[in-house]
All heavy atoms as atom14 arrays in JSON, in Angstrom:
{
  "sequence": "PWILATMRLNIGFAMIGAVVGEYISAKVGL",
  "atom14_mask": [
    [1, 1, 1, 1, 1, 1, 1, 0, 0, 0, 0, 0, 0, 0],
    [1, 1, 1, 1, 1, 1, 1, 1, 1, 1, 1, 1, 1, 1],
    [1, 1, 1, 1, 1, 1, 1, 1, 0, 0, 0, 0, 0, 0],
    [1, 1, 1, 1, 1, 1, 1, 1, 0, 0, 0, 0, 0, 0],
    [1, 1, 1, 1, 1, 0, 0, 0, 0, 0, 0, 0, 0, 0],
    [1, 1, 1, 1, 1, 1, 1, 0, 0, 0, 0, 0, 0, 0],
    [1, 1, 1, 1, 1, 1, 1, 1, 0, 0, 0, 0, 0, 0],
    [1, 1, 1, 1, 1, 1, 1, 1, 1, 1, 1, 0, 0, 0],
    [1, 1, 1, 1, 1, 1, 1, 1, 0, 0, 0, 0, 0, 0],
    [1, 1, 1, 1, 1, 1, 1, 1, 0, 0, 0, 0, 0, 0],
    [1, 1, 1, 1, 1, 1, 1, 1, 0, 0, 0, 0, 0, 0],
    [1, 1, 1, 1, 0, 0, 0, 0, 0, 0, 0, 0, 0, 0],
    [1, 1, 1, 1, 1, 1, 1, 1, 1, 1, 1, 0, 0, 0],
    [1, 1, 1, 1, 1, 0, 0, 0, 0, 0, 0, 0, 0, 0],
    [1, 1, 1, 1, 1, 1, 1, 1, 0, 0, 0, 0, 0, 0],
    [1, 1, 1, 1, 1, 1, 1, 1, 0, 0, 0, 0, 0, 0],
    [1, 1, 1, 1, 0, 0, 0, 0, 0, 0, 0, 0, 0, 0],
    [1, 1, 1, 1, 1, 0, 0, 0, 0, 0, 0, 0, 0, 0],
    [1, 1, 1, 1, 1, 1, 1, 0, 0, 0, 0, 0, 0, 0],
    [1, 1, 1, 1, 1, 1, 1, 0, 0, 0, 0, 0, 0, 0],
    [1, 1, 1, 1, 0, 0, 0, 0, 0, 0, 0, 0, 0, 0],
    [1, 1, 1, 1, 1, 1, 1, 1, 1, 0, 0, 0, 0, 0],
    [1, 1, 1, 1, 1, 1, 1, 1, 1, 1, 1, 1, 0, 0],
    [1, 1, 1, 1, 1, 1, 1, 1, 0, 0, 0, 0, 0, 0],
    [1, 1, 1, 1, 1, 1, 0, 0, 0, 0, 0, 0, 0, 0],
    [1, 1, 1, 1, 1, 0, 0, 0, 0, 0, 0, 0, 0, 0],
    [1, 1, 1, 1, 1, 1, 1, 1, 1, 0, 0, 0, 0, 0],
    [1, 1, 1, 1, 1, 1, 1, 0, 0, 0, 0, 0, 0, 0],
    [1, 1, 1, 1, 0, 0, 0, 0, 0, 0, 0, 0, 0, 0],
    [1, 1, 1, 1, 1, 1, 1, 1, 0, 0, 0, 0, 0, 0]
  ],
  "atom14_positions": [
    [[-18.33, 10.65, -4.71], [-18.32, 9.2, -4.95], [-17.03, 8.7, -5.57], [-16.6, 7.59, -5.29], [-19.52, 9.0, -5.93], [-20.42, 10.19, -5.66], [-19.48, 11.31, -5.32], [0.0, 0.0, 0.0], [0.0, 0.0, 0.0], [0.0, 0.0, 0.0], [0.0, 0.0, 0.0], [0.0, 0.0, 0.0], [0.0, 0.0, 0.0], [0.0, 0.0, 0.0]],
    [[-16.42, 9.53, -6.39], [-15.13, 9.17, -7.0], [-14.05, 9.09, -5.9], [-13.16, 8.24, -5.97], [-14.73, 10.16, -8.09], [-15.6, 10.04, -9.31], [-16.88, 10.49, -9.46], [-15.24, 9.5, -10.56], [-17.32, 10.21, -10.72], [-16.34, 9.62, -11.44], [-14.05, 8.91, -11.04], [-16.31, 9.17, -12.75], [-14.05, 8.46, -12.37], [-15.15, 8.6, -13.17]],
    [[-14.12, 10.01, -4.95], [-13.14, 10.02, -3.85], [-13.25, 8.72, -3.06], [-12.26, 8.1, -2.73], [-13.33, 11.23, -2.98], [-13.05, 12.53, -3.76], [-12.44, 11.14, -1.75], [-13.37, 13.78, -2.99], [0.0, 0.0, 0.0], [0.0, 0.0, 0.0], [0.0, 0.0, 0.0], [0.0, 0.0, 0.0], [0.0, 0.0, 0.0], [0.0, 0.0, 0.0]],
    [[-14.47, 8.33, -2.74], [-14.67, 7.07, -1.98], [-14.22, 5.86, -2.78], [-13.61, 4.94, -2.22], [-16.15, 6.94, -1.61], [-16.61, 7.8, -0.42], [-18.12, 7.7, -0.26], [-15.93, 7.36, 0.85], [0.0, 0.0, 0.0], [0.0, 0.0, 0.0], [0.0, 0.0, 0.0], [0.0, 0.0, 0.0], [0.0, 0.0, 0.0], [0.0, 0.0, 0.0]],
    [[-14.54, 5.83, -4.07], [-14.11, 4.71, -4.89], [-12.58, 4.66, -4.97], [-11.97, 3.56, -4.93], [-14.68, 4.86, -6.3], [0.0, 0.0, 0.0], [0.0, 0.0, 0.0], [0.0, 0.0, 0.0], [0.0, 0.0, 0.0], [0.0, 0.0, 0.0], [0.0, 0.0, 0.0], [0.0, 0.0, 0.0], [0.0, 0.0, 0.0], [0.0, 0.0, 0.0]],
    [[-11.96, 5.82, -5.05], [-10.49, 5.88, -5.06], [-9.89, 5.38, -3.75], [-8.86, 4.71, -3.74], [-10.0, 7.33, -5.3], [-10.54, 7.76, -6.59], [-8.52, 7.43, -5.32], [0.0, 0.0, 0.0], [0.0, 0.0, 0.0], [0.0, 0.0, 0.0], [0.0, 0.0, 0.0], [0.0, 0.0, 0.0], [0.0, 0.0, 0.0], [0.0, 0.0, 0.0]],
    [[-10.55, 5.72, -2.65], [-10.05, 5.28, -1.34], [-10.06, 3.74, -1.28], [-9.03, 3.14, -0.81], [-10.92, 5.81, -0.23], [-10.77, 7.32, -0.04], [-12.0, 8.01, 1.14], [-11.56, 7.19, 2.65], [0.0, 0.0, 0.0], [0.0, 0.0, 0.0], [0.0, 0.0, 0.0], [0.0, 0.0, 0.0], [0.0, 0.0, 0.0], [0.0, 0.0, 0.0]],
    [[-11.07, 3.09, -1.75], [-11.12, 1.63, -1.75], [-10.08, 1.04, -2.66], [-9.42, 0.05, -2.36], [-12.5, 1.15, -2.12], [-13.6, 1.56, -1.12], [-14.92, 0.95, -1.45], [-14.89, -0.51, -1.26], [-15.95, -1.28, -1.44], [-17.12, -0.77, -1.82], [-15.87, -2.59, -1.26], [0.0, 0.0, 0.0], [0.0, 0.0, 0.0], [0.0, 0.0, 0.0]],
    [[-9.85, 1.7, -3.81], [-8.84, 1.24, -4.76], [-7.45, 1.39, -4.19], [-6.57, 0.55, -4.38], [-8.96, 2.02, -6.06], [-8.01, 1.65, -7.21], [-8.23, 0.24, -7.66], [-8.16, 2.62, -8.35], [0.0, 0.0, 0.0], [0.0, 0.0, 0.0], [0.0, 0.0, 0.0], [0.0, 0.0, 0.0], [0.0, 0.0, 0.0], [0.0, 0.0, 0.0]],
    [[-7.24, 2.48, -3.44], [-5.89, 2.79, -2.94], [-5.49, 1.94, -1.76], [-4.29, 1.96, -1.4], [-5.84, 4.26, -2.53], [-5.35, 5.15, -3.68], [-4.82, 4.66, -4.68], [-5.5, 6.42, -3.51], [0.0, 0.0, 0.0], [0.0, 0.0, 0.0], [0.0, 0.0, 0.0], [0.0, 0.0, 0.0], [0.0, 0.0, 0.0], [0.0, 0.0, 0.0]],
    [[-6.4, 1.17, -1.19], [-5.99, 0.24, -0.13], [-4.94, -0.7, -0.64], [-3.88, -0.9, -0.01], [-7.24, -0.53, 0.39], [-8.17, 0.37, 1.15], [-6.78, -1.7, 1.32], [-9.46, -0.31, 1.56], [0.0, 0.0, 0.0], [0.0, 0.0, 0.0], [0.0, 0.0, 0.0], [0.0, 0.0, 0.0], [0.0, 0.0, 0.0], [0.0, 0.0, 0.0]],
    [[-5.21, -1.29, -1.8], [-4.22, -2.24, -2.4], [-2.93, -1.57, -2.75], [-1.84, -2.11, -2.52], [0.0, 0.0, 0.0], [0.0, 0.0, 0.0], [0.0, 0.0, 0.0], [0.0, 0.0, 0.0], [0.0, 0.0, 0.0], [0.0, 0.0, 0.0], [0.0, 0.0, 0.0], [0.0, 0.0, 0.0], [0.0, 0.0, 0.0], [0.0, 0.0, 0.0]],
    [[-3.0, -0.36, -3.33], [-1.79, 0.32, -3.73], [-0.95, 0.73, -2.53], [0.27, 0.66, -2.6], [-2.14, 1.56, -4.58], [-2.58, 1.25, -5.97], [-3.88, 1.36, -6.34], [-1.63, 0.84, -6.9], [-4.28, 1.09, -7.64], [-2.01, 0.55, -8.2], [-3.33, 0.65, -8.59], [0.0, 0.0, 0.0], [0.0, 0.0, 0.0], [0.0, 0.0, 0.0]],
    [[-1.56, 1.13, -1.45], [-0.83, 1.48, -0.21], [-0.12, 0.26, 0.33], [1.07, 0.34, 0.75], [-1.78, 2.05, 0.81], [0.0, 0.0, 0.0], [0.0, 0.0, 0.0], [0.0, 0.0, 0.0], [0.0, 0.0, 0.0], [0.0, 0.0, 0.0], [0.0, 0.0, 0.0], [0.0, 0.0, 0.0], [0.0, 0.0, 0.0], [0.0, 0.0, 0.0]],
    [[-0.77, -0.87, 0.32], [-0.15, -2.09, 0.81], [1.01, -2.53, -0.09], [2.02, -3.01, 0.36], [-1.19, -3.19, 1.0], [-2.23, -2.86, 2.05], [-3.36, -4.18, 2.39], [-2.25, -5.41, 3.09], [0.0, 0.0, 0.0], [0.0, 0.0, 0.0], [0.0, 0.0, 0.0], [0.0, 0.0, 0.0], [0.0, 0.0, 0.0], [0.0, 0.0, 0.0]],
    [[0.81, -2.37, -1.4], [1.87, -2.69, -2.35], [3.09, -1.84, -2.06], [4.25, -2.29, -2.02], [1.39, -2.48, -3.81], [0.39, -3.54, -4.2], [2.59, -2.5, -4.78], [-0.28, -3.3, -5.55], [0.0, 0.0, 0.0], [0.0, 0.0, 0.0], [0.0, 0.0, 0.0], [0.0, 0.0, 0.0], [0.0, 0.0, 0.0], [0.0, 0.0, 0.0]],
    [[2.85, -0.51, -1.86], [3.96, 0.39, -1.56], [4.7, 0.02, -0.31], [5.95, 0.02, -0.27], [0.0, 0.0, 0.0], [0.0, 0.0, 0.0], [0.0, 0.0, 0.0], [0.0, 0.0, 0.0], [0.0, 0.0, 0.0], [0.0, 0.0, 0.0], [0.0, 0.0, 0.0], [0.0, 0.0, 0.0], [0.0, 0.0, 0.0], [0.0, 0.0, 0.0]],
    [[3.95, -0.31, 0.73], [4.59, -0.66, 2.0], [5.4, -1.95, 1.87], [6.57, -2.04, 2.34], [3.53, -0.86, 3.11], [0.0, 0.0, 0.0], [0.0, 0.0, 0.0], [0.0, 0.0, 0.0], [0.0, 0.0, 0.0], [0.0, 0.0, 0.0], [0.0, 0.0, 0.0], [0.0, 0.0, 0.0], [0.0, 0.0, 0.0], [0.0, 0.0, 0.0]],
    [[4.86, -2.96, 1.21], [5.53, -4.23, 1.04], [6.78, -4.09, 0.14], [7.84, -4.66, 0.42], [4.57, -5.29, 0.47], [5.31, -6.59, 0.09], [3.5, -5.63, 1.47], [0.0, 0.0, 0.0], [0.0, 0.0, 0.0], [0.0, 0.0, 0.0], [0.0, 0.0, 0.0], [0.0, 0.0, 0.0], [0.0, 0.0, 0.0], [0.0, 0.0, 0.0]],
    [[6.65, -3.34, -0.96], [7.81, -3.11, -1.83], [8.91, -2.4, -1.07], [10.09, -2.74, -1.19], [7.38, -2.27, -3.05], [8.62, -1.77, -3.82], [6.53, -3.12, -3.98], [0.0, 0.0, 0.0], [0.0, 0.0, 0.0], [0.0, 0.0, 0.0], [0.0, 0.0, 0.0], [0.0, 0.0, 0.0], [0.0, 0.0, 0.0], [0.0, 0.0, 0.0]],
    [[8.54, -1.42, -0.25], [9.55, -0.72, 0.57], [10.2, -1.67, 1.53], [11.43, -1.57, 1.77], [0.0, 0.0, 0.0], [0.0, 0.0, 0.0], [0.0, 0.0, 0.0], [0.0, 0.0, 0.0], [0.0, 0.0, 0.0], [0.0, 0.0, 0.0], [0.0, 0.0, 0.0], [0.0, 0.0, 0.0], [0.0, 0.0, 0.0], [0.0, 0.0, 0.0]],
    [[9.48, -2.6, 2.1], [10.07, -3.61, 2.99], [10.96, -4.6, 2.28], [11.92, -5.1, 2.84], [8.96, -4.32, 3.78], [8.2, -3.43, 4.75], [6.93, -4.04, 5.29], [6.55, -5.13, 4.79], [6.32, -3.44, 6.2], [0.0, 0.0, 0.0], [0.0, 0.0, 0.0], [0.0, 0.0, 0.0], [0.0, 0.0, 0.0], [0.0, 0.0, 0.0]],
    [[10.63, -4.87, 1.02], [11.48, -5.74, 0.2], [12.84, -5.09, 0.0], [13.85, -5.76, -0.01], [10.84, -5.97, -1.16], [9.97, -7.2, -1.26], [9.14, -7.56, -0.2], [9.95, -8.0, -2.39], [8.33, -8.69, -0.28], [9.15, -9.12, -2.49], [8.36, -9.44, -1.43], [7.54, -10.6, -1.52], [0.0, 0.0, 0.0], [0.0, 0.0, 0.0]],
    [[12.81, -3.77, -0.21], [14.05, -3.03, -0.55], [14.97, -2.96, 0.67], [16.17, -3.29, 0.61], [13.75, -1.6, -1.03], [12.94, -1.68, -2.32], [15.0, -0.82, -1.2], [12.35, -0.37, -2.74], [0.0, 0.0, 0.0], [0.0, 0.0, 0.0], [0.0, 0.0, 0.0], [0.0, 0.0, 0.0], [0.0, 0.0, 0.0], [0.0, 0.0, 0.0]],
    [[14.42, -2.53, 1.77], [15.23, -2.4, 2.99], [14.36, -2.3, 4.2], [13.57, -1.39, 4.34], [16.13, -1.15, 2.92], [16.87, -0.97, 4.09], [0.0, 0.0, 0.0], [0.0, 0.0, 0.0], [0.0, 0.0, 0.0], [0.0, 0.0, 0.0], [0.0, 0.0, 0.0], [0.0, 0.0, 0.0], [0.0, 0.0, 0.0], [0.0, 0.0, 0.0]],
    [[14.43, -3.31, 5.08], [13.64, -3.32, 6.28], [14.17, -4.38, 7.26], [14.87, -5.31, 6.84], [12.16, -3.58, 5.97], [0.0, 0.0, 0.0], [0.0, 0.0, 0.0], [0.0, 0.0, 0.0], [0.0, 0.0, 0.0], [0.0, 0.0, 0.0], [0.0, 0.0, 0.0], [0.0, 0.0, 0.0], [0.0, 0.0, 0.0], [0.0, 0.0, 0.0]],
    [[13.8, -4.23, 8.49], [14.12, -5.22, 9.5], [12.86, -5.79, 10.14], [12.94, -6.67, 10.99], [15.01, -4.58, 10.58], [16.38, -4.18, 10.07], [17.21, -3.57, 11.24], [18.59, -3.19, 10.74], [19.43, -2.59, 11.8], [0.0, 0.0, 0.0], [0.0, 0.0, 0.0], [0.0, 0.0, 0.0], [0.0, 0.0, 0.0], [0.0, 0.0, 0.0]],
    [[11.72, -5.25, 9.74], [10.44, -5.76, 10.24], [9.38, -5.41, 9.24], [9.52, -4.51, 8.41], [10.11, -5.07, 11.58], [9.88, -3.58, 11.42], [8.96, -5.68, 12.31], [0.0, 0.0, 0.0], [0.0, 0.0, 0.0], [0.0, 0.0, 0.0], [0.0, 0.0, 0.0], [0.0, 0.0, 0.0], [0.0, 0.0, 0.0], [0.0, 0.0, 0.0]],
    [[8.28, -6.19, 9.25], [7.16, -6.0, 8.3], [6.88, -7.27, 7.53], [7.74, -8.18, 7.43], [0.0, 0.0, 0.0], [0.0, 0.0, 0.0], [0.0, 0.0, 0.0], [0.0, 0.0, 0.0], [0.0, 0.0, 0.0], [0.0, 0.0, 0.0], [0.0, 0.0, 0.0], [0.0, 0.0, 0.0], [0.0, 0.0, 0.0], [0.0, 0.0, 0.0]],
    [[5.65, -7.36, 7.03], [5.24, -8.6, 6.33], [6.07, -8.79, 5.02], [6.31, -9.89, 4.6], [3.76, -8.54, 6.03], [2.85, -8.7, 7.24], [1.39, -8.53, 6.86], [3.04, -10.09, 7.87], [0.0, 0.0, 0.0], [0.0, 0.0, 0.0], [0.0, 0.0, 0.0], [0.0, 0.0, 0.0], [0.0, 0.0, 0.0], [0.0, 0.0, 0.0]]
  ]
}
């Protein structure tokens, strides 16, 4: 159950990481 709860929590963190990476250097992405 902790793993599943972590998965739901990590959705936001994964998107934060992707967006921050695109802020730093990218040519495409939200």
